[in-house]
Amino acid sequence: MNVKVASAFAAMLVIGVGAAFASMAMARIAKAALEGMTRQPEVSRTILTAMLIACALVEALCIYALLVAILLVSK
């Protein structure tokens, strides 16, 4: 197998797995936050802030996967 083909396949796998797990993690974060806001509406602002920070950290991991994929393709 050609090196370029192998690196393209590896990049596809990295970004696919990274995006899939990031989307599942964000869904779980949003679900937990909405359940918390429903149970305790008086702390909904705090829960929303924590949810946004958690989603930003998960998105950063997805961006790292994208960077790894770009590095694999450029080799």
PDB file of N, CA and C in Angstrom:
ATOM      1  N   MET A   1       0.845  -1.178   0.000  1.00  0.00           N
ATOM      2  CA  MET A   1       0.000   0.000   0.000  1.00  0.00           C
ATOM      3  C   MET A   1       0.891   1.242   0.000  1.00  0.00           C
ATOM      4  N   ASN A   2       0.495   2.210  -0.742  1.00  0.00           N
ATOM      5  CA  ASN A   2       1.224   3.457  -0.857  1.00  0.00           C
ATOM      6  C   ASN A   2       1.158   4.225   0.459  1.00  0.00           C
ATOM      7  N   VAL A   3       2.213   4.973   0.769  1.00  0.00           N
ATOM      8  CA  VAL A   3       2.269   5.724   2.021  1.00  0.00           C
ATOM      9  C   VAL A   3       1.205   6.812   2.055  1.00  0.00           C
ATOM     10  N   LYS A   4       0.980   7.457   0.918  1.00  0.00           N
ATOM     11  CA  LYS A   4      -0.041   8.508   0.872  1.00  0.00           C
ATOM     12  C   LYS A   4      -1.436   7.944   1.106  1.00  0.00           C
ATOM     13  N   VAL A   5      -1.709   6.782   0.565  1.00  0.00           N
ATOM     14  CA  VAL A   5      -3.014   6.153   0.762  1.00  0.00           C
ATOM     15  C   VAL A   5      -3.189   5.762   2.219  1.00  0.00           C
ATOM     16  N   ALA A   6      -2.140   5.211   2.807  1.00  0.00           N
ATOM     17  CA  ALA A   6      -2.213   4.804   4.211  1.00  0.00           C
ATOM     18  C   ALA A   6      -2.393   6.011   5.129  1.00  0.00           C
ATOM     19  N   SER A   7      -1.698   7.099   4.849  1.00  0.00           N
ATOM     20  CA  SER A   7      -1.850   8.281   5.691  1.00  0.00           C
ATOM     21  C   SER A   7      -3.218   8.924   5.507  1.00  0.00           C
ATOM     22  N   ALA A   8      -3.766   8.886   4.305  1.00  0.00           N
ATOM     23  CA  ALA A   8      -5.108   9.415   4.086  1.00  0.00           C
ATOM     24  C   ALA A   8      -6.153   8.570   4.809  1.00  0.00           C
ATOM     25  N   PHE A   9      -5.968   7.249   4.789  1.00  0.00           N
ATOM     26  CA  PHE A   9      -6.888   6.372   5.502  1.00  0.00           C
ATOM     27  C   PHE A   9      -6.794   6.600   7.012  1.00  0.00           C
ATOM     28  N   ALA A  10      -5.573   6.769   7.530  1.00  0.00           N
ATOM     29  CA  ALA A  10      -5.389   7.027   8.957  1.00  0.00           C
ATOM     30  C   ALA A  10      -6.005   8.370   9.353  1.00  0.00           C
ATOM     31  N   ALA A  11      -5.849   9.379   8.502  1.00  0.00           N
ATOM     32  CA  ALA A  11      -6.443  10.686   8.778  1.00  0.00           C
ATOM     33  C   ALA A  11      -7.961  10.595   8.797  1.00  0.00           C
ATOM     34  N   MET A  12      -8.525   9.836   7.856  1.00  0.00           N
ATOM     35  CA  MET A  12      -9.971   9.657   7.822  1.00  0.00           C
ATOM     36  C   MET A  12     -10.454   8.979   9.101  1.00  0.00           C
ATOM     37  N   LEU A  13      -9.722   7.991   9.544  1.00  0.00           N
ATOM     38  CA  LEU A  13     -10.091   7.259  10.749  1.00  0.00           C
ATOM     39  C   LEU A  13      -9.986   8.156  11.985  1.00  0.00           C
ATOM     40  N   VAL A  14      -8.924   8.940  12.073  1.00  0.00           N
ATOM     41  CA  VAL A  14      -8.721   9.818  13.228  1.00  0.00           C
ATOM     42  C   VAL A  14      -9.824  10.857  13.324  1.00  0.00           C
ATOM     43  N   ILE A  15     -10.129  11.526  12.236  1.00  0.00           N
ATOM     44  CA  ILE A  15     -11.139  12.587  12.297  1.00  0.00           C
ATOM     45  C   ILE A  15     -12.542  12.004  12.462  1.00  0.00           C
ATOM     46  N   GLY A  16     -12.779  10.837  11.894  1.00  0.00           N
ATOM     47  CA  GLY A  16     -14.088  10.205  12.060  1.00  0.00           C
ATOM     48  C   GLY A  16     -14.351   9.788  13.490  1.00  0.00           C
ATOM     49  N   VAL A  17     -13.378   9.133  14.094  1.00  0.00           N
ATOM     50  CA  VAL A  17     -13.531   8.701  15.492  1.00  0.00           C
ATOM     51  C   VAL A  17     -13.577   9.906  16.420  1.00  0.00           C
ATOM     52  N   GLY A  18     -12.721  10.869  16.170  1.00  0.00           N
ATOM     53  CA  GLY A  18     -12.708  12.066  17.013  1.00  0.00           C
ATOM     54  C   GLY A  18     -14.017  12.830  16.968  1.00  0.00           C
ATOM     55  N   ALA A  19     -14.564  13.009  15.786  1.00  0.00           N
ATOM     56  CA  ALA A  19     -15.825  13.735  15.658  1.00  0.00           C
ATOM     57  C   ALA A  19     -16.987  12.942  16.237  1.00  0.00           C
ATOM     58  N   ALA A  20     -16.982  11.633  16.054  1.00  0.00           N
ATOM     59  CA  ALA A  20     -18.072  10.803  16.578  1.00  0.00           C
ATOM     60  C   ALA A  20     -18.100  10.840  18.100  1.00  0.00           C
ATOM     61  N   PHE A  21     -16.944  10.650  18.717  1.00  0.00           N
ATOM     62  CA  PHE A  21     -16.921  10.657  20.178  1.00  0.00           C
ATOM     63  C   PHE A  21     -17.165  12.046  20.746  1.00  0.00           C
ATOM     64  N   ALA A  22     -16.724  13.082  20.054  1.00  0.00           N
ATOM     65  CA  ALA A  22     -16.989  14.441  20.517  1.00  0.00           C
ATOM     66  C   ALA A  22     -18.480  14.748  20.461  1.00  0.00           C
ATOM     67  N   SER A  23     -19.150  14.318  19.414  1.00  0.00           N
ATOM     68  CA  SER A  23     -20.592  14.573  19.321  1.00  0.00           C
ATOM     69  C   SER A  23     -21.358  13.787  20.373  1.00  0.00           C
ATOM     70  N   MET A  24     -20.936  12.551  20.649  1.00  0.00           N
ATOM     71  CA  MET A  24     -21.596  11.779  21.710  1.00  0.00           C
ATOM     72  C   MET A  24     -21.364  12.413  23.079  1.00  0.00           C
ATOM     73  N   ALA A  25     -20.162  12.927  23.309  1.00  0.00           N
ATOM     74  CA  ALA A  25     -19.866  13.567  24.585  1.00  0.00           C
ATOM     75  C   ALA A  25     -20.677  14.846  24.760  1.00  0.00           C
ATOM     76  N   MET A  26     -20.794  15.627  23.689  1.00  0.00           N
ATOM     77  CA  MET A  26     -21.580  16.858  23.783  1.00  0.00           C
ATOM     78  C   MET A  26     -23.059  16.570  24.016  1.00  0.00           C
ATOM     79  N   ALA A  27     -23.556  15.502  23.425  1.00  0.00           N
ATOM     80  CA  ALA A  27     -24.951  15.126  23.652  1.00  0.00           C
ATOM     81  C   ALA A  27     -25.181  14.739  25.105  1.00  0.00           C
ATOM     82  N   ARG A  28     -24.240  13.995  25.680  1.00  0.00           N
ATOM     83  CA  ARG A  28     -24.378  13.610  27.089  1.00  0.00           C
ATOM     84  C   ARG A  28     -24.275  14.820  28.003  1.00  0.00           C
ATOM     85  N   ILE A  29     -23.391  15.757  27.671  1.00  0.00           N
ATOM     86  CA  ILE A  29     -23.250  16.971  28.474  1.00  0.00           C
ATOM     87  C   ILE A  29     -24.535  17.778  28.435  1.00  0.00           C
ATOM     88  N   ALA A  30     -25.096  17.954  27.246  1.00  0.00           N
ATOM     89  CA  ALA A  30     -26.326  18.737  27.104  1.00  0.00           C
ATOM     90  C   ALA A  30     -27.487  18.049  27.823  1.00  0.00           C
ATOM     91  N   LYS A  31     -27.575  16.737  27.713  1.00  0.00           N
ATOM     92  CA  LYS A  31     -28.655  16.009  28.377  1.00  0.00           C
ATOM     93  C   LYS A  31     -28.567  16.165  29.886  1.00  0.00           C
ATOM     94  N   ALA A  32     -27.362  15.996  30.424  1.00  0.00           N
ATOM     95  CA  ALA A  32     -27.188  16.131  31.868  1.00  0.00           C
ATOM     96  C   ALA A  32     -27.486  17.559  32.337  1.00  0.00           C
ATOM     97  N   ALA A  33     -27.067  18.545  31.548  1.00  0.00           N
ATOM     98  CA  ALA A  33     -27.320  19.933  31.930  1.00  0.00           C
ATOM     99  C   ALA A  33     -28.807  20.259  31.896  1.00  0.00           C
ATOM    100  N   LEU A  34     -29.498  19.784  30.873  1.00  0.00           N
ATOM    101  CA  LEU A  34     -30.937  20.047  30.809  1.00  0.00           C
ATOM    102  C   LEU A  34     -31.693  19.359  31.937  1.00  0.00           C
ATOM    103  N   GLU A  35     -31.279  18.151  32.287  1.00  0.00           N
ATOM    104  CA  GLU A  35     -31.912  17.477  33.419  1.00  0.00           C
ATOM    105  C   GLU A  35     -31.647  18.233  34.714  1.00  0.00           C
ATOM    106  N   GLY A  36     -30.435  18.725  34.884  1.00  0.00           N
ATOM    107  CA  GLY A  36     -30.115  19.508  36.076  1.00  0.00           C
ATOM    108  C   GLY A  36     -30.885  20.813  36.143  1.00  0.00           C
ATOM    109  N   MET A  37     -31.035  21.466  34.998  1.00  0.00           N
ATOM    110  CA  MET A  37     -31.803  22.713  34.964  1.00  0.00           C
ATOM    111  C   MET A  37     -33.279  22.467  35.251  1.00  0.00           C
ATOM    112  N   THR A  38     -33.783  21.316  34.822  1.00  0.00           N
ATOM    113  CA  THR A  38     -35.182  20.991  35.072  1.00  0.00           C
ATOM    114  C   THR A  38     -35.408  20.720  36.557  1.00  0.00           C
ATOM    115  N   ARG A  39     -34.462  20.031  37.174  1.00  0.00           N
ATOM    116  CA  ARG A  39     -34.617  19.695  38.596  1.00  0.00           C
ATOM    117  C   ARG A  39     -34.384  20.892  39.501  1.00  0.00           C
ATOM    118  N   GLN A  40     -33.443  21.744  39.150  1.00  0.00           N
ATOM    119  CA  GLN A  40     -33.120  22.906  39.981  1.00  0.00           C
ATOM    120  C   GLN A  40     -33.034  24.161  39.122  1.00  0.00           C
ATOM    121  N   PRO A  41     -34.166  24.770  38.826  1.00  0.00           N
ATOM    122  CA  PRO A  41     -34.145  25.954  37.946  1.00  0.00           C
ATOM    123  C   PRO A  41     -33.412  27.156  38.542  1.00  0.00           C
ATOM    124  N   GLU A  42     -33.271  27.182  39.863  1.00  0.00           N
ATOM    125  CA  GLU A  42     -32.621  28.342  40.479  1.00  0.00           C
ATOM    126  C   GLU A  42     -31.114  28.386  40.228  1.00  0.00           C
ATOM    127  N   VAL A  43     -30.508  27.273  39.874  1.00  0.00           N
ATOM    128  CA  VAL A  43     -29.070  27.261  39.574  1.00  0.00           C
ATOM    129  C   VAL A  43     -28.811  27.028  38.083  1.00  0.00           C
ATOM    130  N   SER A  44     -29.785  27.346  37.264  1.00  0.00           N
ATOM    131  CA  SER A  44     -29.653  27.072  35.828  1.00  0.00           C
ATOM    132  C   SER A  44     -28.530  27.882  35.187  1.00  0.00           C
ATOM    133  N   ARG A  45     -28.277  29.078  35.680  1.00  0.00           N
ATOM    134  CA  ARG A  45     -27.199  29.896  35.107  1.00  0.00           C
ATOM    135  C   ARG A  45     -25.835  29.250  35.370  1.00  0.00           C
ATOM    136  N   THR A  46     -25.652  28.711  36.558  1.00  0.00           N
ATOM    137  CA  THR A  46     -24.392  28.041  36.894  1.00  0.00           C
ATOM    138  C   THR A  46     -24.222  26.771  36.069  1.00  0.00           C
ATOM    139  N   ILE A  47     -25.305  26.034  35.913  1.00  0.00           N
ATOM    140  CA  ILE A  47     -25.254  24.804  35.125  1.00  0.00           C
ATOM    141  C   ILE A  47     -24.955  25.126  33.668  1.00  0.00           C
ATOM    142  N   LEU A  48     -25.554  26.186  33.144  1.00  0.00           N
ATOM    143  CA  LEU A  48     -25.309  26.583  31.763  1.00  0.00           C
ATOM    144  C   LEU A  48     -23.846  26.956  31.555  1.00  0.00           C
ATOM    145  N   THR A  49     -23.267  27.677  32.505  1.00  0.00           N
ATOM    146  CA  THR A  49     -21.856  28.054  32.400  1.00  0.00           C
ATOM    147  C   THR A  49     -20.962  26.816  32.392  1.00  0.00           C
ATOM    148  N   ALA A  50     -21.251  25.881  33.294  1.00  0.00           N
ATOM    149  CA  ALA A  50     -20.457  24.656  33.345  1.00  0.00           C
ATOM    150  C   ALA A  50     -20.624  23.842  32.066  1.00  0.00           C
ATOM    151  N   MET A  51     -21.838  23.824  31.518  1.00  0.00           N
ATOM    152  CA  MET A  51     -22.082  23.087  30.278  1.00  0.00           C
ATOM    153  C   MET A  51     -21.294  23.698  29.119  1.00  0.00           C
ATOM    154  N   LEU A  52     -21.276  25.007  29.022  1.00  0.00           N
ATOM    155  CA  LEU A  52     -20.559  25.663  27.935  1.00  0.00           C
ATOM    156  C   LEU A  52     -19.054  25.440  28.034  1.00  0.00           C
ATOM    157  N   ILE A  53     -18.525  25.456  29.248  1.00  0.00           N
ATOM    158  CA  ILE A  53     -17.089  25.201  29.428  1.00  0.00           C
ATOM    159  C   ILE A  53     -16.767  23.760  29.044  1.00  0.00           C
ATOM    160  N   ALA A  54     -17.612  22.822  29.471  1.00  0.00           N
ATOM    161  CA  ALA A  54     -17.383  21.416  29.135  1.00  0.00           C
ATOM    162  C   ALA A  54     -17.467  21.187  27.630  1.00  0.00           C
ATOM    163  N   CYS A  55     -18.431  21.812  26.976  1.00  0.00           N
ATOM    164  CA  CYS A  55     -18.549  21.667  25.516  1.00  0.00           C
ATOM    165  C   CYS A  55     -17.350  22.277  24.799  1.00  0.00           C
ATOM    166  N   ALA A  56     -16.824  23.370  25.316  1.00  0.00           N
ATOM    167  CA  ALA A  56     -15.639  23.976  24.705  1.00  0.00           C
ATOM    168  C   ALA A  56     -14.427  23.060  24.836  1.00  0.00           C
ATOM    169  N   LEU A  57     -14.281  22.396  25.969  1.00  0.00           N
ATOM    170  CA  LEU A  57     -13.160  21.478  26.148  1.00  0.00           C
ATOM    171  C   LEU A  57     -13.288  20.263  25.233  1.00  0.00           C
ATOM    172  N   VAL A  58     -14.494  19.762  25.067  1.00  0.00           N
ATOM    173  CA  VAL A  58     -14.705  18.630  24.163  1.00  0.00           C
ATOM    174  C   VAL A  58     -14.430  19.054  22.722  1.00  0.00           C
ATOM    175  N   GLU A  59     -14.846  20.246  22.364  1.00  0.00           N
ATOM    176  CA  GLU A  59     -14.593  20.745  21.016  1.00  0.00           C
ATOM    177  C   GLU A  59     -13.096  20.925  20.763  1.00  0.00           C
ATOM    178  N   ALA A  60     -12.363  21.295  21.803  1.00  0.00           N
ATOM    179  CA  ALA A  60     -10.910  21.405  21.663  1.00  0.00           C
ATOM    180  C   ALA A  60     -10.296  20.045  21.348  1.00  0.00           C
ATOM    181  N   LEU A  61     -10.801  18.990  21.959  1.00  0.00           N
ATOM    182  CA  LEU A  61     -10.300  17.653  21.643  1.00  0.00           C
ATOM    183  C   LEU A  61     -10.600  17.282  20.193  1.00  0.00           C
ATOM    184  N   CYS A  62     -11.747  17.689  19.689  1.00  0.00           N
ATOM    185  CA  CYS A  62     -12.088  17.426  18.291  1.00  0.00           C
ATOM    186  C   CYS A  62     -11.159  18.206  17.360  1.00  0.00           C
ATOM    187  N   ILE A  63     -10.820  19.402  17.741  1.00  0.00           N
ATOM    188  CA  ILE A  63      -9.889  20.198  16.933  1.00  0.00           C
ATOM    189  C   ILE A  63      -8.503  19.573  16.946  1.00  0.00           C
ATOM    190  N   TYR A  64      -8.083  18.999  18.083  1.00  0.00           N
ATOM    191  CA  TYR A  64      -6.805  18.287  18.129  1.00  0.00           C
ATOM    192  C   TYR A  64      -6.812  17.097  17.178  1.00  0.00           C
ATOM    193  N   ALA A  65      -7.935  16.393  17.106  1.00  0.00           N
ATOM    194  CA  ALA A  65      -8.041  15.271  16.164  1.00  0.00           C
ATOM    195  C   ALA A  65      -7.917  15.777  14.730  1.00  0.00           C
ATOM    196  N   LEU A  66      -8.509  16.926  14.448  1.00  0.00           N
ATOM    197  CA  LEU A  66      -8.388  17.516  13.115  1.00  0.00           C
ATOM    198  C   LEU A  66      -6.940  17.875  12.804  1.00  0.00           C
ATOM    199  N   LEU A  67      -6.229  18.418  13.776  1.00  0.00           N
ATOM    200  CA  LEU A  67      -4.826  18.761  13.554  1.00  0.00           C
ATOM    201  C   LEU A  67      -3.981  17.517  13.295  1.00  0.00           C
ATOM    202  N   VAL A  68      -4.254  16.441  14.029  1.00  0.00           N
ATOM    203  CA  VAL A  68      -3.533  15.193  13.791  1.00  0.00           C
ATOM    204  C   VAL A  68      -3.828  14.680  12.389  1.00  0.00           C
ATOM    205  N   ALA A  69      -5.078  14.774  11.957  1.00  0.00           N
ATOM    206  CA  ALA A  69      -5.444  14.336  10.611  1.00  0.00           C
ATOM    207  C   ALA A  69      -4.725  15.177   9.552  1.00  0.00           C
ATOM    208  N   ILE A  70      -4.653  16.477   9.770  1.00  0.00           N
ATOM    209  CA  ILE A  70      -3.958  17.332   8.816  1.00  0.00           C
ATOM    210  C   ILE A  70      -2.465  16.990   8.772  1.00  0.00           C
ATOM    211  N   LEU A  71      -1.874  16.712   9.917  1.00  0.00           N
ATOM    212  CA  LEU A  71      -0.460  16.320   9.939  1.00  0.00           C
ATOM    213  C   LEU A  71      -0.235  14.987   9.229  1.00  0.00           C
ATOM    214  N   LEU A  72      -1.180  14.060   9.390  1.00  0.00           N
ATOM    215  CA  LEU A  72      -1.036  12.770   8.695  1.00  0.00           C
ATOM    216  C   LEU A  72      -1.115  12.928   7.179  1.00  0.00           C
ATOM    217  N   VAL A  73      -2.002  13.787   6.715  1.00  0.00           N
ATOM    218  CA  VAL A  73      -2.170  13.976   5.276  1.00  0.00           C
ATOM    219  C   VAL A  73      -0.969  14.724   4.688  1.00  0.00           C
ATOM    220  N   SER A  74      -0.401  15.636   5.454  1.00  0.00           N
ATOM    221  CA  SER A  74       0.699  16.419   4.907  1.00  0.00           C
ATOM    222  C   SER A  74       2.006  15.632   4.819  1.00  0.00           C
ATOM    223  N   LYS A  75       2.103  14.499   5.457  1.00  0.00           N
ATOM    224  CA  LYS A  75       3.335  13.687   5.408  1.00  0.00           C
ATOM    225  C   LYS A  75       3.432  12.907   4.122  1.00  0.00           C
TER     226      LYS A  75
END
